[in-house]
Amino acid sequence: MILTEHYQTVALEDVTVWFKAAPVSAFPENGGACIKYKGLQIAVFNFTRRQEWYATQNLCPHKREMVLARGMIGTAGAEPKVACPFHKNTFSLKSGENLNGSQCALATYPVKIEDNYVYVGFRD
């Protein structure tokens, strides 16, 4: 799995800081929005149909553009996914795996909701 430099997948058990991103109302239902954390652009997805939240790097590893927050979300079987708006490659929102089979993957981050705020987990 190849991750784009500076972005590193963070497992829930490795979270050292929960970043208070924004109120839940700042994120579109069944869509994404971008937040910044220490110079990183992070795409946060409110997958309302599944009642789940996800966060990935916003940088498309193929075109190297900050666009994934504007990608379309859906499922491949039971796997939640996002499709890049440029080239339509799809990535798992859970693992970051490229579902089209190429080597590029996305970094993923844990998300939690507390008191109507979205928090994204990072390892500092």
N, C-alpha and C. Protein backbone atom coordinates (compact mmCIF):
# COMPACT_ATOMS: atom_id res chain seq x y z
N MET A 1 0.85 -1.18 0.00
CA MET A 1 0.00 0.00 0.00
C MET A 1 0.89 1.23 0.00
N ILE A 2 0.67 2.15 -0.93
CA ILE A 2 1.44 3.38 -1.01
C ILE A 2 0.55 4.53 -0.58
N LEU A 3 1.00 5.29 0.41
CA LEU A 3 0.28 6.46 0.85
C LEU A 3 1.03 7.70 0.38
N THR A 4 0.30 8.76 0.11
CA THR A 4 0.92 10.00 -0.29
C THR A 4 1.68 10.59 0.90
N GLU A 5 2.86 11.15 0.63
CA GLU A 5 3.68 11.67 1.71
C GLU A 5 2.89 12.59 2.64
N HIS A 6 3.26 12.59 3.88
CA HIS A 6 2.69 13.41 4.95
C HIS A 6 1.35 12.88 5.48
N TYR A 7 0.67 12.06 4.73
CA TYR A 7 -0.58 11.48 5.19
C TYR A 7 -0.30 10.08 5.70
N GLN A 8 -0.75 9.79 6.91
CA GLN A 8 -0.53 8.46 7.48
C GLN A 8 -1.83 7.97 8.09
N THR A 9 -2.24 6.77 7.72
CA THR A 9 -3.43 6.18 8.30
C THR A 9 -3.26 6.09 9.81
N VAL A 10 -4.33 6.42 10.52
CA VAL A 10 -4.31 6.37 11.98
C VAL A 10 -5.40 5.40 12.43
N ALA A 11 -5.00 4.37 13.15
CA ALA A 11 -5.96 3.42 13.73
C ALA A 11 -6.53 4.02 15.02
N LEU A 12 -7.73 3.63 15.35
CA LEU A 12 -8.39 4.14 16.55
C LEU A 12 -7.51 4.01 17.79
N GLU A 13 -6.84 2.86 17.93
CA GLU A 13 -6.02 2.64 19.12
C GLU A 13 -4.75 3.50 19.14
N ASP A 14 -4.41 4.13 18.01
CA ASP A 14 -3.21 4.97 17.94
C ASP A 14 -3.49 6.46 18.08
N VAL A 15 -4.75 6.84 18.25
CA VAL A 15 -5.11 8.26 18.35
C VAL A 15 -4.51 8.85 19.62
N THR A 16 -3.79 9.97 19.45
CA THR A 16 -3.25 10.70 20.60
C THR A 16 -3.93 12.05 20.79
N VAL A 17 -4.62 12.52 19.74
CA VAL A 17 -5.33 13.79 19.83
C VAL A 17 -6.61 13.70 19.00
N TRP A 18 -7.71 14.18 19.60
CA TRP A 18 -8.97 14.28 18.87
C TRP A 18 -9.15 15.75 18.51
N PHE A 19 -9.11 16.05 17.22
CA PHE A 19 -9.25 17.41 16.71
C PHE A 19 -10.73 17.74 16.54
N LYS A 20 -11.16 18.82 17.19
CA LYS A 20 -12.55 19.26 17.07
C LYS A 20 -12.69 20.00 15.75
N ALA A 21 -13.27 19.33 14.76
CA ALA A 21 -13.28 19.84 13.39
C ALA A 21 -14.34 20.91 13.16
N ALA A 22 -15.60 20.60 13.47
CA ALA A 22 -16.70 21.51 13.17
C ALA A 22 -17.99 20.90 13.70
N PRO A 23 -19.05 21.72 13.78
CA PRO A 23 -20.35 21.15 14.15
C PRO A 23 -20.83 20.16 13.08
N VAL A 24 -21.62 19.19 13.49
CA VAL A 24 -22.19 18.20 12.57
C VAL A 24 -22.90 18.91 11.42
N SER A 25 -23.58 20.00 11.70
CA SER A 25 -24.35 20.72 10.69
C SER A 25 -23.48 21.31 9.58
N ALA A 26 -22.16 21.38 9.75
CA ALA A 26 -21.27 21.93 8.73
C ALA A 26 -20.97 20.93 7.61
N PHE A 27 -21.40 19.68 7.80
CA PHE A 27 -21.10 18.63 6.81
C PHE A 27 -22.39 18.22 6.10
N PRO A 28 -22.36 18.18 4.76
CA PRO A 28 -23.58 17.82 4.03
C PRO A 28 -23.95 16.36 4.26
N GLU A 29 -25.24 16.09 4.28
CA GLU A 29 -25.70 14.71 4.39
C GLU A 29 -25.30 13.96 3.12
N ASN A 30 -24.80 12.73 3.30
CA ASN A 30 -24.38 11.87 2.19
C ASN A 30 -23.38 12.57 1.28
N GLY A 31 -22.46 13.28 1.91
CA GLY A 31 -21.42 13.97 1.17
C GLY A 31 -20.24 14.28 2.06
N GLY A 32 -19.31 15.04 1.52
CA GLY A 32 -18.09 15.35 2.26
C GLY A 32 -17.79 16.83 2.29
N ALA A 33 -16.87 17.19 3.17
CA ALA A 33 -16.34 18.55 3.28
C ALA A 33 -14.90 18.44 3.75
N CYS A 34 -14.13 19.46 3.49
CA CYS A 34 -12.71 19.44 3.81
C CYS A 34 -12.44 20.24 5.10
N ILE A 35 -11.54 19.69 5.92
CA ILE A 35 -11.04 20.40 7.09
C ILE A 35 -9.52 20.47 6.96
N LYS A 36 -8.90 21.34 7.73
CA LYS A 36 -7.44 21.40 7.77
C LYS A 36 -6.96 21.07 9.17
N TYR A 37 -5.91 20.28 9.23
CA TYR A 37 -5.26 19.95 10.50
C TYR A 37 -3.75 20.01 10.27
N LYS A 38 -3.10 20.96 10.90
CA LYS A 38 -1.64 21.11 10.81
C LYS A 38 -1.14 21.04 9.37
N GLY A 39 -1.78 21.76 8.48
CA GLY A 39 -1.35 21.81 7.09
C GLY A 39 -1.87 20.69 6.21
N LEU A 40 -2.53 19.69 6.80
CA LEU A 40 -3.11 18.60 6.01
C LEU A 40 -4.56 18.90 5.68
N GLN A 41 -4.96 18.61 4.47
CA GLN A 41 -6.37 18.70 4.12
C GLN A 41 -6.98 17.32 4.29
N ILE A 42 -8.04 17.25 5.08
CA ILE A 42 -8.70 15.99 5.40
C ILE A 42 -10.15 16.06 4.91
N ALA A 43 -10.57 15.05 4.16
CA ALA A 43 -11.95 14.96 3.70
C ALA A 43 -12.76 14.21 4.77
N VAL A 44 -13.84 14.82 5.22
CA VAL A 44 -14.72 14.20 6.22
C VAL A 44 -16.06 13.94 5.55
N PHE A 45 -16.52 12.69 5.67
CA PHE A 45 -17.75 12.27 4.99
C PHE A 45 -18.83 11.91 6.00
N ASN A 46 -20.00 12.51 5.79
CA ASN A 46 -21.19 12.22 6.58
C ASN A 46 -22.06 11.28 5.74
N PHE A 47 -21.88 9.98 5.95
CA PHE A 47 -22.59 8.97 5.17
C PHE A 47 -23.90 8.68 5.89
N THR A 48 -24.85 9.59 5.74
CA THR A 48 -26.12 9.56 6.46
C THR A 48 -26.90 8.27 6.19
N ARG A 49 -26.88 7.80 4.94
CA ARG A 49 -27.64 6.58 4.62
C ARG A 49 -27.18 5.39 5.44
N ARG A 50 -25.90 5.38 5.85
CA ARG A 50 -25.36 4.29 6.65
C ARG A 50 -25.24 4.67 8.13
N GLN A 51 -25.54 5.93 8.43
CA GLN A 51 -25.37 6.47 9.79
C GLN A 51 -23.93 6.28 10.26
N GLU A 52 -22.97 6.62 9.35
CA GLU A 52 -21.55 6.47 9.64
C GLU A 52 -20.78 7.71 9.16
N TRP A 53 -19.64 7.93 9.80
CA TRP A 53 -18.75 9.03 9.46
C TRP A 53 -17.38 8.46 9.11
N TYR A 54 -16.71 9.08 8.14
CA TYR A 54 -15.39 8.65 7.72
C TYR A 54 -14.52 9.87 7.46
N ALA A 55 -13.19 9.67 7.53
CA ALA A 55 -12.24 10.73 7.18
C ALA A 55 -11.07 10.11 6.42
N THR A 56 -10.66 10.78 5.35
CA THR A 56 -9.52 10.34 4.54
C THR A 56 -8.71 11.58 4.17
N GLN A 57 -7.54 11.34 3.61
CA GLN A 57 -6.82 12.47 3.02
C GLN A 57 -7.69 13.06 1.92
N ASN A 58 -7.58 14.36 1.70
CA ASN A 58 -8.35 15.01 0.64
C ASN A 58 -7.61 14.96 -0.69
N LEU A 59 -6.32 14.66 -0.65
CA LEU A 59 -5.48 14.64 -1.84
C LEU A 59 -5.69 13.37 -2.66
N CYS A 60 -6.09 13.53 -3.91
CA CYS A 60 -6.19 12.39 -4.82
C CYS A 60 -4.77 11.92 -5.14
N PRO A 61 -4.45 10.66 -4.87
CA PRO A 61 -3.09 10.20 -5.11
C PRO A 61 -2.73 10.08 -6.58
N HIS A 62 -3.72 10.07 -7.45
CA HIS A 62 -3.46 9.93 -8.89
C HIS A 62 -3.20 11.28 -9.53
N LYS A 63 -4.13 12.20 -9.41
CA LYS A 63 -4.00 13.52 -10.04
C LYS A 63 -3.33 14.54 -9.13
N ARG A 64 -3.15 14.19 -7.86
CA ARG A 64 -2.51 15.06 -6.87
C ARG A 64 -3.24 16.40 -6.74
N GLU A 65 -4.55 16.32 -6.71
CA GLU A 65 -5.41 17.49 -6.52
C GLU A 65 -6.21 17.29 -5.25
N MET A 66 -6.53 18.36 -4.57
CA MET A 66 -7.32 18.32 -3.33
C MET A 66 -8.80 18.30 -3.66
N VAL A 67 -9.33 17.11 -3.96
CA VAL A 67 -10.70 17.02 -4.48
C VAL A 67 -11.57 15.95 -3.85
N LEU A 68 -11.01 15.06 -3.05
CA LEU A 68 -11.79 13.89 -2.62
C LEU A 68 -13.01 14.24 -1.77
N ALA A 69 -12.97 15.36 -1.05
CA ALA A 69 -14.14 15.76 -0.25
C ALA A 69 -15.36 16.01 -1.13
N ARG A 70 -15.11 16.29 -2.41
CA ARG A 70 -16.21 16.53 -3.36
C ARG A 70 -16.56 15.29 -4.17
N GLY A 71 -15.96 14.16 -3.83
CA GLY A 71 -16.26 12.92 -4.53
C GLY A 71 -17.62 12.38 -4.15
N MET A 72 -18.12 11.48 -4.98
CA MET A 72 -19.41 10.85 -4.70
C MET A 72 -19.18 9.65 -3.79
N ILE A 73 -20.05 9.51 -2.79
CA ILE A 73 -19.95 8.36 -1.90
C ILE A 73 -21.05 7.36 -2.23
N GLY A 74 -20.75 6.10 -1.94
CA GLY A 74 -21.69 5.02 -2.20
C GLY A 74 -21.14 3.74 -1.60
N THR A 75 -21.54 2.62 -2.15
CA THR A 75 -21.04 1.34 -1.65
C THR A 75 -20.66 0.44 -2.82
N ALA A 76 -19.71 -0.44 -2.55
CA ALA A 76 -19.36 -1.53 -3.46
C ALA A 76 -19.65 -2.79 -2.67
N GLY A 77 -20.79 -3.40 -2.90
CA GLY A 77 -21.26 -4.47 -2.03
C GLY A 77 -21.59 -3.84 -0.68
N ALA A 78 -20.92 -4.28 0.36
CA ALA A 78 -21.13 -3.70 1.69
C ALA A 78 -20.07 -2.67 2.04
N GLU A 79 -19.10 -2.45 1.16
CA GLU A 79 -17.96 -1.57 1.44
C GLU A 79 -18.30 -0.11 1.12
N PRO A 80 -18.25 0.80 2.11
CA PRO A 80 -18.47 2.22 1.80
C PRO A 80 -17.28 2.75 1.00
N LYS A 81 -17.58 3.60 0.01
CA LYS A 81 -16.52 4.07 -0.87
C LYS A 81 -16.74 5.52 -1.28
N VAL A 82 -15.66 6.13 -1.78
CA VAL A 82 -15.72 7.45 -2.39
C VAL A 82 -15.09 7.35 -3.77
N ALA A 83 -15.69 8.03 -4.74
CA ALA A 83 -15.15 8.07 -6.10
C ALA A 83 -14.54 9.44 -6.33
N CYS A 84 -13.30 9.46 -6.80
CA CYS A 84 -12.63 10.72 -7.12
C CYS A 84 -13.42 11.43 -8.22
N PRO A 85 -13.68 12.73 -8.08
CA PRO A 85 -14.45 13.42 -9.11
C PRO A 85 -13.69 13.60 -10.42
N PHE A 86 -12.36 13.41 -10.42
CA PHE A 86 -11.59 13.56 -11.66
C PHE A 86 -11.56 12.29 -12.50
N HIS A 87 -11.12 11.18 -11.90
CA HIS A 87 -10.89 9.98 -12.71
C HIS A 87 -11.76 8.80 -12.31
N LYS A 88 -12.62 9.00 -11.33
CA LYS A 88 -13.61 8.02 -10.89
C LYS A 88 -13.02 6.77 -10.24
N ASN A 89 -11.72 6.76 -9.94
CA ASN A 89 -11.20 5.66 -9.12
C ASN A 89 -11.92 5.68 -7.79
N THR A 90 -12.20 4.51 -7.26
CA THR A 90 -12.93 4.44 -6.00
C THR A 90 -12.02 3.90 -4.91
N PHE A 91 -12.25 4.42 -3.71
CA PHE A 91 -11.45 4.08 -2.54
C PHE A 91 -12.36 3.69 -1.39
N SER A 92 -11.96 2.69 -0.63
CA SER A 92 -12.70 2.31 0.57
C SER A 92 -12.62 3.43 1.60
N LEU A 93 -13.75 3.80 2.15
CA LEU A 93 -13.75 4.80 3.21
C LEU A 93 -13.28 4.21 4.53
N LYS A 94 -13.32 2.89 4.67
CA LYS A 94 -12.85 2.24 5.89
C LYS A 94 -11.34 2.08 5.91
N SER A 95 -10.79 1.51 4.84
CA SER A 95 -9.36 1.17 4.82
C SER A 95 -8.51 2.07 3.94
N GLY A 96 -9.12 2.82 3.04
CA GLY A 96 -8.39 3.64 2.10
C GLY A 96 -7.94 2.90 0.86
N GLU A 97 -8.17 1.58 0.81
CA GLU A 97 -7.75 0.75 -0.32
C GLU A 97 -8.36 1.26 -1.62
N ASN A 98 -7.55 1.25 -2.69
CA ASN A 98 -8.06 1.58 -4.01
C ASN A 98 -8.85 0.38 -4.51
N LEU A 99 -10.13 0.53 -4.69
CA LEU A 99 -11.00 -0.57 -5.08
C LEU A 99 -10.91 -0.89 -6.56
N ASN A 100 -10.16 -0.08 -7.31
CA ASN A 100 -9.93 -0.35 -8.73
C ASN A 100 -8.66 -1.15 -8.95
N GLY A 101 -7.95 -1.49 -7.87
CA GLY A 101 -6.81 -2.39 -7.97
C GLY A 101 -5.45 -1.76 -8.15
N SER A 102 -5.34 -0.45 -8.26
CA SER A 102 -4.00 0.11 -8.40
C SER A 102 -3.33 0.19 -7.03
N GLN A 103 -2.07 0.54 -7.03
CA GLN A 103 -1.31 0.54 -5.79
C GLN A 103 -1.62 1.73 -4.88
N CYS A 104 -2.11 2.83 -5.41
CA CYS A 104 -2.35 4.02 -4.60
C CYS A 104 -3.49 3.78 -3.62
N ALA A 105 -3.28 4.20 -2.39
CA ALA A 105 -4.31 4.09 -1.36
C ALA A 105 -4.42 5.43 -0.65
N LEU A 106 -5.49 5.59 0.12
CA LEU A 106 -5.69 6.81 0.90
C LEU A 106 -5.37 6.56 2.36
N ALA A 107 -4.89 7.58 3.03
CA ALA A 107 -4.79 7.54 4.48
C ALA A 107 -6.19 7.74 5.05
N THR A 108 -6.50 7.03 6.12
CA THR A 108 -7.81 7.15 6.77
C THR A 108 -7.62 7.53 8.23
N TYR A 109 -8.65 8.12 8.81
CA TYR A 109 -8.60 8.63 10.17
C TYR A 109 -9.90 8.30 10.89
N PRO A 110 -9.83 7.98 12.19
CA PRO A 110 -11.06 7.73 12.95
C PRO A 110 -11.87 9.03 13.13
N VAL A 111 -13.17 8.87 13.23
CA VAL A 111 -14.08 9.99 13.45
C VAL A 111 -15.00 9.64 14.61
N LYS A 112 -15.28 10.63 15.45
CA LYS A 112 -16.29 10.44 16.49
C LYS A 112 -17.14 11.71 16.56
N ILE A 113 -18.36 11.53 17.04
CA ILE A 113 -19.30 12.63 17.22
C ILE A 113 -19.58 12.76 18.71
N GLU A 114 -19.38 13.96 19.24
CA GLU A 114 -19.71 14.24 20.64
C GLU A 114 -20.34 15.62 20.73
N ASP A 115 -21.46 15.69 21.42
CA ASP A 115 -22.16 16.97 21.63
C ASP A 115 -22.36 17.73 20.32
N ASN A 116 -22.75 17.01 19.26
CA ASN A 116 -23.02 17.58 17.94
C ASN A 116 -21.80 18.20 17.27
N TYR A 117 -20.60 17.76 17.67
CA TYR A 117 -19.37 18.17 17.00
C TYR A 117 -18.68 16.95 16.42
N VAL A 118 -18.01 17.17 15.29
CA VAL A 118 -17.24 16.13 14.63
C VAL A 118 -15.78 16.25 15.08
N TYR A 119 -15.22 15.13 15.54
CA TYR A 119 -13.82 15.06 15.94
C TYR A 119 -13.12 14.05 15.04
N VAL A 120 -11.90 14.39 14.62
CA VAL A 120 -11.09 13.51 13.81
C VAL A 120 -9.84 13.15 14.61
N GLY A 121 -9.50 11.87 14.62
CA GLY A 121 -8.37 11.39 15.42
C GLY A 121 -7.06 11.40 14.64
N PHE A 122 -6.01 11.90 15.32
CA PHE A 122 -4.68 11.96 14.72
C PHE A 122 -3.66 11.41 15.71
N ARG A 123 -2.50 11.08 15.20
CA ARG A 123 -1.37 10.65 16.01
C ARG A 123 -0.31 11.73 15.88
N ASP A 124 0.00 12.39 16.98
CA ASP A 124 1.04 13.43 16.94
C ASP A 124 2.37 12.90 17.38
